[in-house]
Amino acid sequence: MGTNDFIESGILEAHLLGLTNEDEKELVKQMVEENQEVKEHLVDIESDITRYFNGAAVTPPSALREIIHLRSNQENFRKEKHTFKKKAEEDQNTRFLDVEVNDTHIKVHKFWRPAFIAVFILSKIFLIAGLYYYFKTVNQEEQIQKLKTEIQQVK
């Protein structure tokens, strides 16, 4: 595989994003050690990815930071009870911190509340109007049938 083919294959991007398996990681390491052009391209991609993610980064709210800090303290307290061997295995298996929300209510932006109330009221108005006009048409049809029978009797 040529240098340009290797660069265009996308394996360098996948390697930087952590999406490669062990064989591909070894291949990338070998190509970076052997070829200066691949190494320069890898550095360029890494700086582009870092710039992109830093530009799109959003600082989390302070309340979320406190929750994560408290949860990590609780997990550290639980881990201290285990043996060192288990602790090493857990550290390798856990990459992310699970965040749970204990809130059972749906939070909606305050501007949606009047919209929901208006939709609810309008639905009731249309229901009442629909029933009114339904019964009105049924009554009119009955009157039309009565008039037709009267006209037939007069003839």
Protein backbone atom coordinates (compact mmCIF):
# COMPACT_ATOMS: atom_id res chain seq x y z
CA MET A 1 0.00 0.00 0.00
CA GLY A 2 1.44 3.36 -1.03
CA THR A 3 1.78 6.38 1.21
CA ASN A 4 -0.98 8.32 -0.54
CA ASP A 5 -3.30 5.30 -0.50
CA PHE A 6 -2.63 4.86 3.21
CA ILE A 7 -3.34 8.53 3.92
CA GLU A 8 -6.52 8.55 1.82
CA SER A 9 -7.84 5.32 3.35
CA GLY A 10 -9.07 7.18 6.43
CA ILE A 11 -7.29 4.93 8.87
CA LEU A 12 -5.38 7.88 10.35
CA GLU A 13 -8.62 9.70 11.19
CA ALA A 14 -10.10 6.53 12.65
CA HIS A 15 -6.93 6.01 14.70
CA LEU A 16 -7.10 9.53 16.13
CA LEU A 17 -10.77 9.08 17.03
CA GLY A 18 -10.03 5.73 18.70
CA LEU A 19 -12.04 3.65 16.23
CA THR A 20 -9.31 1.23 15.16
CA ASN A 21 -8.61 -2.30 16.36
CA GLU A 22 -5.24 -3.54 17.59
CA ASP A 23 -3.96 -4.60 14.15
CA GLU A 24 -4.80 -1.23 12.63
CA LYS A 25 -3.17 0.57 15.56
CA GLU A 26 0.04 -1.36 15.01
CA LEU A 27 -0.10 -0.64 11.29
CA VAL A 28 -0.48 3.10 11.93
CA LYS A 29 2.39 3.09 14.42
CA GLN A 30 4.60 1.25 11.96
CA MET A 31 3.76 3.61 9.08
CA VAL A 32 4.32 6.70 11.27
CA GLU A 33 7.74 5.40 12.32
CA GLU A 34 8.75 4.53 8.75
CA ASN A 35 7.32 7.44 6.78
CA GLN A 36 7.78 11.14 7.61
CA GLU A 37 4.94 12.21 5.28
CA VAL A 38 2.45 10.02 7.16
CA LYS A 39 3.72 11.42 10.46
CA GLU A 40 3.25 15.02 9.25
CA HIS A 41 -0.21 14.23 7.93
CA LEU A 42 -1.14 12.60 11.26
CA VAL A 43 0.00 15.72 13.14
CA ASP A 44 -2.02 17.95 10.78
CA ILE A 45 -5.15 15.86 11.22
CA GLU A 46 -4.70 15.80 14.98
CA SER A 47 -4.40 19.59 15.13
CA ASP A 48 -7.47 19.98 12.88
CA ILE A 49 -9.52 17.62 15.04
CA THR A 50 -8.34 19.34 18.22
CA ARG A 51 -9.18 22.76 16.80
CA TYR A 52 -12.63 21.57 15.69
CA PHE A 53 -13.53 20.00 19.02
CA ASN A 54 -12.18 22.93 21.02
CA GLY A 55 -14.19 25.33 18.87
CA ALA A 56 -17.38 23.34 19.40
CA ALA A 57 -16.79 22.75 23.11
CA VAL A 58 -19.43 23.88 25.58
CA THR A 59 -18.71 24.25 29.26
CA PRO A 60 -21.11 22.17 31.34
CA PRO A 61 -23.29 23.85 33.96
CA SER A 62 -21.80 24.03 37.44
CA ALA A 63 -24.62 21.89 38.86
CA LEU A 64 -23.66 19.07 36.50
CA ARG A 65 -20.04 19.35 37.56
CA GLU A 66 -21.08 19.03 41.21
CA ILE A 67 -23.22 15.96 40.47
CA ILE A 68 -20.38 14.27 38.59
CA HIS A 69 -17.93 15.13 41.37
CA LEU A 70 -20.25 13.68 44.03
CA ARG A 71 -20.88 10.53 42.00
CA SER A 72 -17.17 10.01 41.40
CA ASN A 73 -16.53 10.39 45.13
CA GLN A 74 -19.20 7.76 45.84
CA GLU A 75 -17.69 5.39 43.28
CA ASN A 76 -14.20 5.92 44.72
CA PHE A 77 -15.56 5.12 48.17
CA ARG A 78 -17.14 1.90 46.88
CA LYS A 79 -13.99 0.91 44.97
CA GLU A 80 -11.81 1.23 48.06
CA LYS A 81 -13.59 -1.77 49.56
CA HIS A 82 -12.51 -4.05 46.69
CA THR A 83 -9.15 -5.64 46.23
CA PHE A 84 -6.50 -4.06 44.04
CA LYS A 85 -7.00 -6.69 41.35
CA LYS A 86 -10.70 -5.90 41.02
CA LYS A 87 -9.98 -2.19 41.05
CA ALA A 88 -7.58 -2.54 38.11
CA GLU A 89 -10.15 -4.58 36.15
CA GLU A 90 -12.91 -2.04 36.84
CA ASP A 91 -10.69 0.86 35.74
CA GLN A 92 -10.01 -0.87 32.42
CA ASN A 93 -13.67 -1.69 31.82
CA THR A 94 -15.20 1.67 32.79
CA ARG A 95 -14.44 4.52 30.48
CA PHE A 96 -17.42 6.75 31.08
CA LEU A 97 -19.19 8.01 34.15
CA ASP A 98 -22.89 7.16 34.19
CA VAL A 99 -25.09 10.16 34.89
CA GLU A 100 -28.57 9.44 36.20
CA VAL A 101 -31.42 11.88 36.54
CA ASN A 102 -33.76 11.35 39.47
CA ASP A 103 -36.39 13.78 38.23
CA THR A 104 -39.75 12.22 37.26
CA HIS A 105 -41.27 15.37 35.75
CA ILE A 106 -40.98 16.49 32.15
CA LYS A 107 -39.50 19.96 32.00
CA VAL A 108 -40.89 22.20 29.28
CA HIS A 109 -39.81 25.71 28.40
CA LYS A 110 -42.08 28.29 30.03
CA PHE A 111 -43.28 29.64 26.66
CA TRP A 112 -44.81 26.28 25.74
CA ARG A 113 -47.21 26.24 28.70
CA PRO A 114 -49.65 28.83 27.21
CA ALA A 115 -49.45 27.03 23.87
CA PHE A 116 -50.45 23.71 25.48
CA ILE A 117 -53.27 25.40 27.39
CA ALA A 118 -54.52 27.10 24.20
CA VAL A 119 -54.46 23.81 22.28
CA PHE A 120 -56.35 22.09 25.08
CA ILE A 121 -59.04 24.81 25.22
CA LEU A 122 -59.37 24.91 21.41
CA SER A 123 -59.77 21.13 21.29
CA LYS A 124 -62.64 21.34 23.79
CA ILE A 125 -64.27 24.15 21.81
CA PHE A 126 -64.03 22.18 18.57
CA LEU A 127 -65.39 19.07 20.30
CA ILE A 128 -68.42 20.96 21.58
CA ALA A 129 -68.97 22.66 18.20
CA GLY A 130 -68.65 19.33 16.39
CA LEU A 131 -71.20 17.67 18.67
CA TYR A 132 -73.57 20.63 18.35
CA TYR A 133 -73.49 20.61 14.55
CA TYR A 134 -73.76 16.80 14.45
CA PHE A 135 -76.92 16.79 16.52
CA LYS A 136 -78.26 19.77 14.57
CA THR A 137 -77.84 17.97 11.24
CA VAL A 138 -79.44 14.80 12.65
CA ASN A 139 -82.41 16.91 13.82
CA GLN A 140 -82.69 18.63 10.42
CA GLU A 141 -82.59 15.30 8.61
CA GLU A 142 -85.44 14.09 10.81
CA GLN A 143 -87.43 17.22 10.00
CA ILE A 144 -86.77 16.76 6.28
CA GLN A 145 -88.02 13.17 6.51
CA LYS A 146 -91.18 14.39 8.31
CA LEU A 147 -91.78 17.04 5.64
CA LYS A 148 -91.30 14.47 2.86
CA THR A 149 -93.83 12.15 4.45
CA GLU A 150 -96.32 15.04 4.89
CA ILE A 151 -95.91 16.05 1.24
CA GLN A 152 -96.48 12.48 0.10
CA GLN A 153 -99.60 12.22 2.26
CA VAL A 154 -101.00 15.47 0.81
CA LYS A 155 -100.63 14.17 -2.74
